[in-house]
Amino acid sequence: MPRRTRPTREEQNALRRAFYERIGRGDMTIPEAMKAMREMTGLTQAEFAAHRGVSRRVIQDIERGTGNPTVESLNSVAKLFGLQVGFVPIRRNEAAPPTSG
């Protein structure tokens, strides 16, 4: 399979802005985020995996939504983008009830 054409600097910046906006809104699944991060770099799954120190299978399974990656694997990939795995609220259509405190 031929290597993907890497995005231009302008395309990378646009992809990066859209990525961080969606992440900030909590509007992105892990498979979507993994694919978006890889596409920003213009790398194949195998190249991206080698660059991040995980197997190609880990990247492939995460992008398909069939993987069960370790926190360590996710952090290895996310670190490049200034992110780490953490507890985040589950998105719901209704507003969260106020907390007492």
PDB file of N, CA and C in Angstrom:
ATOM      1  N   MET A   1       0.852  -1.180   0.000  1.00  0.00           N
ATOM      2  CA  MET A   1       0.000   0.000   0.000  1.00  0.00           C
ATOM      3  C   MET A   1       0.895   1.239   0.000  1.00  0.00           C
ATOM      4  N   PRO A   2       0.609   2.197  -0.853  1.00  0.00           N
ATOM      5  CA  PRO A   2       1.446   3.392  -0.919  1.00  0.00           C
ATOM      6  C   PRO A   2       1.297   4.249   0.326  1.00  0.00           C
ATOM      7  N   ARG A   3       2.346   4.967   0.607  1.00  0.00           N
ATOM      8  CA  ARG A   3       2.355   5.869   1.753  1.00  0.00           C
ATOM      9  C   ARG A   3       1.371   7.015   1.520  1.00  0.00           C
ATOM     10  N   ARG A   4       0.729   7.432   2.564  1.00  0.00           N
ATOM     11  CA  ARG A   4      -0.190   8.572   2.473  1.00  0.00           C
ATOM     12  C   ARG A   4       0.582   9.843   2.180  1.00  0.00           C
ATOM     13  N   THR A   5      -0.076  10.776   1.557  1.00  0.00           N
ATOM     14  CA  THR A   5       0.508  12.092   1.360  1.00  0.00           C
ATOM     15  C   THR A   5       0.339  12.862   2.662  1.00  0.00           C
ATOM     16  N   ARG A   6       1.435  13.383   3.162  1.00  0.00           N
ATOM     17  CA  ARG A   6       1.354  14.137   4.420  1.00  0.00           C
ATOM     18  C   ARG A   6       0.628  15.449   4.195  1.00  0.00           C
ATOM     19  N   PRO A   7      -0.167  15.848   5.184  1.00  0.00           N
ATOM     20  CA  PRO A   7      -0.869  17.132   5.054  1.00  0.00           C
ATOM     21  C   PRO A   7       0.131  18.292   5.077  1.00  0.00           C
ATOM     22  N   THR A   8      -0.241  19.355   4.405  1.00  0.00           N
ATOM     23  CA  THR A   8       0.594  20.552   4.423  1.00  0.00           C
ATOM     24  C   THR A   8       0.549  21.159   5.822  1.00  0.00           C
ATOM     25  N   ARG A   9       1.422  22.098   6.091  1.00  0.00           N
ATOM     26  CA  ARG A   9       1.454  22.760   7.401  1.00  0.00           C
ATOM     27  C   ARG A   9       0.100  23.409   7.698  1.00  0.00           C
ATOM     28  N   GLU A  10      -0.502  24.049   6.695  1.00  0.00           N
ATOM     29  CA  GLU A  10      -1.803  24.692   6.891  1.00  0.00           C
ATOM     30  C   GLU A  10      -2.881  23.655   7.191  1.00  0.00           C
ATOM     31  N   GLU A  11      -2.844  22.535   6.465  1.00  0.00           N
ATOM     32  CA  GLU A  11      -3.819  21.472   6.712  1.00  0.00           C
ATOM     33  C   GLU A  11      -3.625  20.875   8.109  1.00  0.00           C
ATOM     34  N   GLN A  12      -2.375  20.678   8.499  1.00  0.00           N
ATOM     35  CA  GLN A  12      -2.089  20.160   9.842  1.00  0.00           C
ATOM     36  C   GLN A  12      -2.642  21.101  10.909  1.00  0.00           C
ATOM     37  N   ASN A  13      -2.430  22.387  10.723  1.00  0.00           N
ATOM     38  CA  ASN A  13      -2.921  23.367  11.702  1.00  0.00           C
ATOM     39  C   ASN A  13      -4.439  23.359  11.788  1.00  0.00           C
ATOM     40  N   ALA A  14      -5.104  23.260  10.633  1.00  0.00           N
ATOM     41  CA  ALA A  14      -6.566  23.210  10.620  1.00  0.00           C
ATOM     42  C   ALA A  14      -7.069  21.932  11.299  1.00  0.00           C
ATOM     43  N   LEU A  15      -6.430  20.803  10.991  1.00  0.00           N
ATOM     44  CA  LEU A  15      -6.803  19.540  11.627  1.00  0.00           C
ATOM     45  C   LEU A  15      -6.583  19.605  13.132  1.00  0.00           C
ATOM     46  N   ARG A  16      -5.483  20.194  13.536  1.00  0.00           N
ATOM     47  CA  ARG A  16      -5.147  20.305  14.955  1.00  0.00           C
ATOM     48  C   ARG A  16      -6.166  21.180  15.692  1.00  0.00           C
ATOM     49  N   ARG A  17      -6.533  22.324  15.090  1.00  0.00           N
ATOM     50  CA  ARG A  17      -7.529  23.204  15.718  1.00  0.00           C
ATOM     51  C   ARG A  17      -8.860  22.469  15.901  1.00  0.00           C
ATOM     52  N   ALA A  18      -9.314  21.794  14.841  1.00  0.00           N
ATOM     53  CA  ALA A  18     -10.581  21.067  14.908  1.00  0.00           C
ATOM     54  C   ALA A  18     -10.510  19.952  15.951  1.00  0.00           C
ATOM     55  N   PHE A  19      -9.369  19.278  16.012  1.00  0.00           N
ATOM     56  CA  PHE A  19      -9.162  18.200  16.973  1.00  0.00           C
ATOM     57  C   PHE A  19      -9.286  18.714  18.401  1.00  0.00           C
ATOM     58  N   TYR A  20      -8.560  19.774  18.732  1.00  0.00           N
ATOM     59  CA  TYR A  20      -8.587  20.296  20.100  1.00  0.00           C
ATOM     60  C   TYR A  20      -9.945  20.897  20.453  1.00  0.00           C
ATOM     61  N   GLU A  21     -10.643  21.464  19.478  1.00  0.00           N
ATOM     62  CA  GLU A  21     -11.996  21.974  19.734  1.00  0.00           C
ATOM     63  C   GLU A  21     -12.926  20.821  20.115  1.00  0.00           C
ATOM     64  N   ARG A  22     -12.873  19.736  19.338  1.00  0.00           N
ATOM     65  CA  ARG A  22     -13.738  18.587  19.627  1.00  0.00           C
ATOM     66  C   ARG A  22     -13.363  17.932  20.945  1.00  0.00           C
ATOM     67  N   ILE A  23     -12.072  17.804  21.216  1.00  0.00           N
ATOM     68  CA  ILE A  23     -11.625  17.231  22.491  1.00  0.00           C
ATOM     69  C   ILE A  23     -12.138  18.104  23.642  1.00  0.00           C
ATOM     70  N   GLY A  24     -12.024  19.415  23.493  1.00  0.00           N
ATOM     71  CA  GLY A  24     -12.468  20.342  24.534  1.00  0.00           C
ATOM     72  C   GLY A  24     -13.949  20.246  24.820  1.00  0.00           C
ATOM     73  N   ARG A  25     -14.727  19.943  23.789  1.00  0.00           N
ATOM     74  CA  ARG A  25     -16.176  19.796  23.956  1.00  0.00           C
ATOM     75  C   ARG A  25     -16.547  18.400  24.444  1.00  0.00           C
ATOM     76  N   GLY A  26     -15.579  17.491  24.484  1.00  0.00           N
ATOM     77  CA  GLY A  26     -15.881  16.109  24.842  1.00  0.00           C
ATOM     78  C   GLY A  26     -16.681  15.424  23.754  1.00  0.00           C
ATOM     79  N   ASP A  27     -16.433  15.853  22.518  1.00  0.00           N
ATOM     80  CA  ASP A  27     -17.225  15.419  21.377  1.00  0.00           C
ATOM     81  C   ASP A  27     -16.437  14.474  20.470  1.00  0.00           C
ATOM     82  N   MET A  28     -15.602  13.620  21.065  1.00  0.00           N
ATOM     83  CA  MET A  28     -14.792  12.729  20.244  1.00  0.00           C
ATOM     84  C   MET A  28     -14.575  11.422  20.993  1.00  0.00           C
ATOM     85  N   THR A  29     -14.796  10.322  20.304  1.00  0.00           N
ATOM     86  CA  THR A  29     -14.554   9.015  20.903  1.00  0.00           C
ATOM     87  C   THR A  29     -13.062   8.695  20.810  1.00  0.00           C
ATOM     88  N   ILE A  30     -12.632   7.700  21.559  1.00  0.00           N
ATOM     89  CA  ILE A  30     -11.228   7.297  21.489  1.00  0.00           C
ATOM     90  C   ILE A  30     -10.865   6.839  20.076  1.00  0.00           C
ATOM     91  N   PRO A  31     -11.685   5.997  19.407  1.00  0.00           N
ATOM     92  CA  PRO A  31     -11.326   5.633  18.028  1.00  0.00           C
ATOM     93  C   PRO A  31     -11.218   6.850  17.099  1.00  0.00           C
ATOM     94  N   GLU A  32     -12.136   7.790  17.230  1.00  0.00           N
ATOM     95  CA  GLU A  32     -12.077   8.997  16.397  1.00  0.00           C
ATOM     96  C   GLU A  32     -10.822   9.813  16.699  1.00  0.00           C
ATOM     97  N   ALA A  33     -10.497   9.937  17.985  1.00  0.00           N
ATOM     98  CA  ALA A  33      -9.317  10.705  18.380  1.00  0.00           C
ATOM     99  C   ALA A  33      -8.043  10.051  17.870  1.00  0.00           C
ATOM    100  N   MET A  34      -7.966   8.732  17.960  1.00  0.00           N
ATOM    101  CA  MET A  34      -6.775   8.020  17.499  1.00  0.00           C
ATOM    102  C   MET A  34      -6.569   8.241  16.002  1.00  0.00           C
ATOM    103  N   LYS A  35      -7.622   8.086  15.248  1.00  0.00           N
ATOM    104  CA  LYS A  35      -7.516   8.262  13.792  1.00  0.00           C
ATOM    105  C   LYS A  35      -7.160   9.712  13.458  1.00  0.00           C
ATOM    106  N   ALA A  36      -7.771  10.658  14.150  1.00  0.00           N
ATOM    107  CA  ALA A  36      -7.485  12.075  13.902  1.00  0.00           C
ATOM    108  C   ALA A  36      -6.025  12.396  14.203  1.00  0.00           C
ATOM    109  N   MET A  37      -5.503  11.872  15.319  1.00  0.00           N
ATOM    110  CA  MET A  37      -4.101  12.128  15.670  1.00  0.00           C
ATOM    111  C   MET A  37      -3.172  11.560  14.610  1.00  0.00           C
ATOM    112  N   ARG A  38      -3.475  10.359  14.157  1.00  0.00           N
ATOM    113  CA  ARG A  38      -2.630   9.736  13.137  1.00  0.00           C
ATOM    114  C   ARG A  38      -2.711  10.502  11.820  1.00  0.00           C
ATOM    115  N   GLU A  39      -3.907  10.918  11.437  1.00  0.00           N
ATOM    116  CA  GLU A  39      -4.068  11.639  10.173  1.00  0.00           C
ATOM    117  C   GLU A  39      -3.385  13.002  10.204  1.00  0.00           C
ATOM    118  N   MET A  40      -3.328  13.629  11.385  1.00  0.00           N
ATOM    119  CA  MET A  40      -2.613  14.909  11.493  1.00  0.00           C
ATOM    120  C   MET A  40      -1.144  14.751  11.154  1.00  0.00           C
ATOM    121  N   THR A  41      -0.597  13.587  11.468  1.00  0.00           N
ATOM    122  CA  THR A  41       0.820  13.349  11.217  1.00  0.00           C
ATOM    123  C   THR A  41       1.073  12.881   9.791  1.00  0.00           C
ATOM    124  N   GLY A  42       0.043  12.379   9.116  1.00  0.00           N
ATOM    125  CA  GLY A  42       0.205  11.875   7.752  1.00  0.00           C
ATOM    126  C   GLY A  42       0.881  10.516   7.704  1.00  0.00           C
ATOM    127  N   LEU A  43       0.885   9.802   8.837  1.00  0.00           N
ATOM    128  CA  LEU A  43       1.559   8.510   8.895  1.00  0.00           C
ATOM    129  C   LEU A  43       0.568   7.361   8.737  1.00  0.00           C
ATOM    130  N   THR A  44       1.074   6.225   8.246  1.00  0.00           N
ATOM    131  CA  THR A  44       0.270   5.009   8.203  1.00  0.00           C
ATOM    132  C   THR A  44       0.132   4.486   9.625  1.00  0.00           C
ATOM    133  N   GLN A  45      -0.735   3.509   9.812  1.00  0.00           N
ATOM    134  CA  GLN A  45      -0.888   2.910  11.139  1.00  0.00           C
ATOM    135  C   GLN A  45       0.432   2.328  11.626  1.00  0.00           C
ATOM    136  N   ALA A  46       1.143   1.631  10.750  1.00  0.00           N
ATOM    137  CA  ALA A  46       2.419   1.011  11.137  1.00  0.00           C
ATOM    138  C   ALA A  46       3.461   2.070  11.498  1.00  0.00           C
ATOM    139  N   GLU A  47       3.542   3.147  10.710  1.00  0.00           N
ATOM    140  CA  GLU A  47       4.508   4.212  10.988  1.00  0.00           C
ATOM    141  C   GLU A  47       4.187   4.924  12.297  1.00  0.00           C
ATOM    142  N   PHE A  48       2.902   5.211  12.487  1.00  0.00           N
ATOM    143  CA  PHE A  48       2.473   5.900  13.703  1.00  0.00           C
ATOM    144  C   PHE A  48       2.747   5.037  14.930  1.00  0.00           C
ATOM    145  N   ALA A  49       2.444   3.749  14.814  1.00  0.00           N
ATOM    146  CA  ALA A  49       2.679   2.822  15.923  1.00  0.00           C
ATOM    147  C   ALA A  49       4.157   2.774  16.283  1.00  0.00           C
ATOM    148  N   ALA A  50       5.017   2.662  15.278  1.00  0.00           N
ATOM    149  CA  ALA A  50       6.460   2.605  15.533  1.00  0.00           C
ATOM    150  C   ALA A  50       6.934   3.902  16.187  1.00  0.00           C
ATOM    151  N   HIS A  51       6.417   5.020  15.719  1.00  0.00           N
ATOM    152  CA  HIS A  51       6.797   6.318  16.259  1.00  0.00           C
ATOM    153  C   HIS A  51       6.397   6.458  17.727  1.00  0.00           C
ATOM    154  N   ARG A  52       5.257   5.872  18.106  1.00  0.00           N
ATOM    155  CA  ARG A  52       4.743   5.999  19.469  1.00  0.00           C
ATOM    156  C   ARG A  52       5.134   4.828  20.367  1.00  0.00           C
ATOM    157  N   GLY A  53       5.815   3.840  19.819  1.00  0.00           N
ATOM    158  CA  GLY A  53       6.291   2.738  20.639  1.00  0.00           C
ATOM    159  C   GLY A  53       5.230   1.717  21.017  1.00  0.00           C
ATOM    160  N   VAL A  54       4.232   1.572  20.155  1.00  0.00           N
ATOM    161  CA  VAL A  54       3.205   0.549  20.356  1.00  0.00           C
ATOM    162  C   VAL A  54       3.119  -0.278  19.078  1.00  0.00           C
ATOM    163  N   SER A  55       2.393  -1.379  19.123  1.00  0.00           N
ATOM    164  CA  SER A  55       2.276  -2.209  17.925  1.00  0.00           C
ATOM    165  C   SER A  55       1.244  -1.629  16.967  1.00  0.00           C
ATOM    166  N   ARG A  56       1.388  -1.988  15.696  1.00  0.00           N
ATOM    167  CA  ARG A  56       0.418  -1.563  14.685  1.00  0.00           C
ATOM    168  C   ARG A  56      -0.959  -2.091  15.060  1.00  0.00           C
ATOM    169  N   ARG A  57      -1.007  -3.289  15.602  1.00  0.00           N
ATOM    170  CA  ARG A  57      -2.280  -3.904  15.982  1.00  0.00           C
ATOM    171  C   ARG A  57      -3.009  -3.071  17.032  1.00  0.00           C
ATOM    172  N   VAL A  58      -2.269  -2.489  17.962  1.00  0.00           N
ATOM    173  CA  VAL A  58      -2.881  -1.629  18.990  1.00  0.00           C
ATOM    174  C   VAL A  58      -3.577  -0.449  18.318  1.00  0.00           C
ATOM    175  N   ILE A  59      -2.870   0.220  17.389  1.00  0.00           N
ATOM    176  CA  ILE A  59      -3.453   1.378  16.679  1.00  0.00           C
ATOM    177  C   ILE A  59      -4.664   0.930  15.867  1.00  0.00           C
ATOM    178  N   GLN A  60      -4.507  -0.157  15.131  1.00  0.00           N
ATOM    179  CA  GLN A  60      -5.584  -0.664  14.281  1.00  0.00           C
ATOM    180  C   GLN A  60      -6.830  -0.999  15.109  1.00  0.00           C
ATOM    181  N   ASP A  61      -6.649  -1.715  16.203  1.00  0.00           N
ATOM    182  CA  ASP A  61      -7.798  -2.097  17.032  1.00  0.00           C
ATOM    183  C   ASP A  61      -8.467  -0.894  17.686  1.00  0.00           C
ATOM    184  N   ILE A  62      -7.674   0.069  18.115  1.00  0.00           N
ATOM    185  CA  ILE A  62      -8.267   1.278  18.720  1.00  0.00           C
ATOM    186  C   ILE A  62      -9.083   2.029  17.673  1.00  0.00           C
ATOM    187  N   GLU A  63      -8.522   2.210  16.472  1.00  0.00           N
ATOM    188  CA  GLU A  63      -9.257   2.935  15.424  1.00  0.00           C
ATOM    189  C   GLU A  63     -10.546   2.226  15.028  1.00  0.00           C
ATOM    190  N   ARG A  64     -10.556   0.915  15.087  1.00  0.00           N
ATOM    191  CA  ARG A  64     -11.762   0.145  14.760  1.00  0.00           C
ATOM    192  C   ARG A  64     -12.771   0.143  15.905  1.00  0.00           C
ATOM    193  N   GLY A  65     -12.320   0.520  17.084  1.00  0.00           N
ATOM    194  CA  GLY A  65     -13.190   0.481  18.248  1.00  0.00           C
ATOM    195  C   GLY A  65     -13.305  -0.911  18.828  1.00  0.00           C
ATOM    196  N   THR A  66     -12.391  -1.803  18.462  1.00  0.00           N
ATOM    197  CA  THR A  66     -12.442  -3.186  18.946  1.00  0.00           C
ATOM    198  C   THR A  66     -11.336  -3.488  19.943  1.00  0.00           C
ATOM    199  N   GLY A  67     -10.443  -2.543  20.156  1.00  0.00           N
ATOM    200  CA  GLY A  67      -9.309  -2.786  21.038  1.00  0.00           C
ATOM    201  C   GLY A  67      -9.649  -2.563  22.498  1.00  0.00           C
ATOM    202  N   ASN A  68      -8.779  -3.044  23.333  1.00  0.00           N
ATOM    203  CA  ASN A  68      -8.868  -2.812  24.763  1.00  0.00           C
ATOM    204  C   ASN A  68      -7.481  -2.342  25.212  1.00  0.00           C
ATOM    205  N   PRO A  69      -7.116  -1.125  24.799  1.00  0.00           N
ATOM    206  CA  PRO A  69      -5.751  -0.661  25.054  1.00  0.00           C
ATOM    207  C   PRO A  69      -5.508  -0.381  26.526  1.00  0.00           C
ATOM    208  N   THR A  70      -4.266  -0.502  26.913  1.00  0.00           N
ATOM    209  CA  THR A  70      -3.891  -0.141  28.278  1.00  0.00           C
ATOM    210  C   THR A  70      -3.811   1.378  28.384  1.00  0.00           C
ATOM    211  N   VAL A  71      -3.894   1.876  29.588  1.00  0.00           N
ATOM    212  CA  VAL A  71      -3.732   3.306  29.827  1.00  0.00           C
ATOM    213  C   VAL A  71      -2.343   3.728  29.346  1.00  0.00           C
ATOM    214  N   GLU A  72      -1.359   2.871  29.565  1.00  0.00           N
ATOM    215  CA  GLU A  72       0.011   3.163  29.133  1.00  0.00           C
ATOM    216  C   GLU A  72       0.082   3.359  27.617  1.00  0.00           C
ATOM    217  N   SER A  73      -0.586   2.495  26.857  1.00  0.00           N
ATOM    218  CA  SER A  73      -0.599   2.626  25.397  1.00  0.00           C
ATOM    219  C   SER A  73      -1.276   3.924  24.963  1.00  0.00           C
ATOM    220  N   LEU A  74      -2.417   4.212  25.581  1.00  0.00           N
ATOM    221  CA  LEU A  74      -3.134   5.443  25.235  1.00  0.00           C
ATOM    222  C   LEU A  74      -2.299   6.676  25.572  1.00  0.00           C
ATOM    223  N   ASN A  75      -1.666   6.671  26.735  1.00  0.00           N
ATOM    224  CA  ASN A  75      -0.831   7.811  27.114  1.00  0.00           C
ATOM    225  C   ASN A  75       0.376   7.961  26.202  1.00  0.00           C
ATOM    226  N   SER A  76       0.926   6.859  25.735  1.00  0.00           N
ATOM    227  CA  SER A  76       2.065   6.908  24.828  1.00  0.00           C
ATOM    228  C   SER A  76       1.697   7.640  23.544  1.00  0.00           C
ATOM    229  N   VAL A  77       0.510   7.370  23.048  1.00  0.00           N
ATOM    230  CA  VAL A  77       0.042   8.034  21.828  1.00  0.00           C
ATOM    231  C   VAL A  77      -0.349   9.480  22.119  1.00  0.00           C
ATOM    232  N   ALA A  78      -1.104   9.691  23.174  1.00  0.00           N
ATOM    233  CA  ALA A  78      -1.660  11.013  23.477  1.00  0.00           C
ATOM    234  C   ALA A  78      -0.602  12.032  23.879  1.00  0.00           C
ATOM    235  N   LYS A  79       0.496  11.570  24.447  1.00  0.00           N
ATOM    236  CA  LYS A  79       1.542  12.474  24.932  1.00  0.00           C
ATOM    237  C   LYS A  79       2.055  13.407  23.838  1.00  0.00           C
ATOM    238  N   LEU A  80       2.170  12.899  22.636  1.00  0.00           N
ATOM    239  CA  LEU A  80       2.624  13.692  21.497  1.00  0.00           C
ATOM    240  C   LEU A  80       1.748  14.924  21.284  1.00  0.00           C
ATOM    241  N   PHE A  81       0.481  14.820  21.684  1.00  0.00           N
ATOM    242  CA  PHE A  81      -0.487  15.894  21.468  1.00  0.00           C
ATOM    243  C   PHE A  81      -0.802  16.652  22.751  1.00  0.00           C
ATOM    244  N   GLY A  82       0.021  16.455  23.788  1.00  0.00           N
ATOM    245  CA  GLY A  82      -0.175  17.171  25.041  1.00  0.00           C
ATOM    246  C   GLY A  82      -1.378  16.692  25.820  1.00  0.00           C
ATOM    247  N   LEU A  83      -1.752  15.441  25.635  1.00  0.00           N
ATOM    248  CA  LEU A  83      -2.927  14.882  26.297  1.00  0.00           C
ATOM    249  C   LEU A  83      -2.526  13.680  27.136  1.00  0.00           C
ATOM    250  N   GLN A  84      -3.392  13.315  28.062  1.00  0.00           N
ATOM    251  CA  GLN A  84      -3.226  12.081  28.811  1.00  0.00           C
ATOM    252  C   GLN A  84      -4.601  11.550  29.158  1.00  0.00           C
ATOM    253  N   VAL A  85      -4.652  10.279  29.466  1.00  0.00           N
ATOM    254  CA  VAL A  85      -5.907   9.639  29.829  1.00  0.00           C
ATOM    255  C   VAL A  85      -6.316  10.133  31.207  1.00  0.00           C
ATOM    256  N   GLY A  86      -7.594  10.393  31.377  1.00  0.00           N
ATOM    257  CA  GLY A  86      -8.093  10.857  32.669  1.00  0.00           C
ATOM    258  C   GLY A  86      -9.567  10.584  32.797  1.00  0.00           C
ATOM    259  N   PHE A  87     -10.076  10.852  33.951  1.00  0.00           N
ATOM    260  CA  PHE A  87     -11.506  10.704  34.166  1.00  0.00           C
ATOM    261  C   PHE A  87     -12.209  11.946  33.631  1.00  0.00           C
ATOM    262  N   VAL A  88     -13.178  11.715  32.778  1.00  0.00           N
ATOM    263  CA  VAL A  88     -13.950  12.809  32.202  1.00  0.00           C
ATOM    264  C   VAL A  88     -15.435  12.503  32.372  1.00  0.00           C
ATOM    265  N   PRO A  89     -16.247  13.526  32.468  1.00  0.00           N
ATOM    266  CA  PRO A  89     -17.677  13.270  32.614  1.00  0.00           C
ATOM    267  C   PRO A  89     -18.248  12.614  31.360  1.00  0.00           C
ATOM    268  N   ILE A  90     -19.220  11.769  31.559  1.00  0.00           N
ATOM    269  CA  ILE A  90     -19.909  11.153  30.430  1.00  0.00           C
ATOM    270  C   ILE A  90     -20.854  12.192  29.856  1.00  0.00           C
ATOM    271  N   ARG A  91     -20.810  12.344  28.549  1.00  0.00           N
ATOM    272  CA  ARG A  91     -21.705  13.298  27.886  1.00  0.00           C
ATOM    273  C   ARG A  91     -23.141  12.840  28.017  1.00  0.00           C
ATOM    274  N   ARG A  92     -23.976  13.753  28.398  1.00  0.00           N
ATOM    275  CA  ARG A  92     -25.402  13.468  28.503  1.00  0.00           C
ATOM    276  C   ARG A  92     -26.159  14.624  27.880  1.00  0.00           C
ATOM    277  N   ASN A  93     -27.342  14.329  27.417  1.00  0.00           N
ATOM    278  CA  ASN A  93     -28.148  15.373  26.786  1.00  0.00           C
ATOM    279  C   ASN A  93     -28.680  16.367  27.802  1.00  0.00           C
ATOM    280  N   GLU A  94     -28.915  15.903  29.037  1.00  0.00           N
ATOM    281  CA  GLU A  94     -29.434  16.798  30.058  1.00  0.00           C
ATOM    282  C   GLU A  94     -28.292  17.372  30.899  1.00  0.00           C
ATOM    283  N   ALA A  95     -28.550  18.464  31.548  1.00  0.00           N
ATOM    284  CA  ALA A  95     -27.550  19.095  32.400  1.00  0.00           C
ATOM    285  C   ALA A  95     -27.345  18.243  33.641  1.00  0.00           C
ATOM    286  N   ALA A  96     -26.132  18.242  34.149  1.00  0.00           N
ATOM    287  CA  ALA A  96     -25.814  17.500  35.370  1.00  0.00           C
ATOM    288  C   ALA A  96     -26.464  18.186  36.560  1.00  0.00           C
ATOM    289  N   PRO A  97     -26.914  17.395  37.542  1.00  0.00           N
ATOM    290  CA  PRO A  97     -27.525  18.018  38.720  1.00  0.00           C
ATOM    291  C   PRO A  97     -26.460  18.757  39.523  1.00  0.00           C
ATOM    292  N   PRO A  98     -26.853  19.828  40.206  1.00  0.00           N
ATOM    293  CA  PRO A  98     -25.865  20.566  40.998  1.00  0.00           C
ATOM    294  C   PRO A  98     -25.374  19.711  42.154  1.00  0.00           C
ATOM    295  N   THR A  99     -24.116  19.905  42.502  1.00  0.00           N
ATOM    296  CA  THR A  99     -23.538  19.157  43.617  1.00  0.00           C
ATOM    297  C   THR A  99     -23.588  20.014  44.865  1.00  0.00           C
ATOM    298  N   SER A 100     -23.742  19.372  45.996  1.00  0.00           N
ATOM    299  CA  SER A 100     -23.721  20.118  47.249  1.00  0.00           C
ATOM    300  C   SER A 100     -22.312  20.055  47.805  1.00  0.00           C
ATOM    301  N   GLY A 101     -21.895  21.040  48.463  1.00  0.00           N
ATOM    302  CA  GLY A 101     -20.545  20.961  48.940  1.00  0.00           C
ATOM    303  C   GLY A 101     -20.191  22.053  49.779  1.00  0.00           C
TER     304      GLY A 101
END
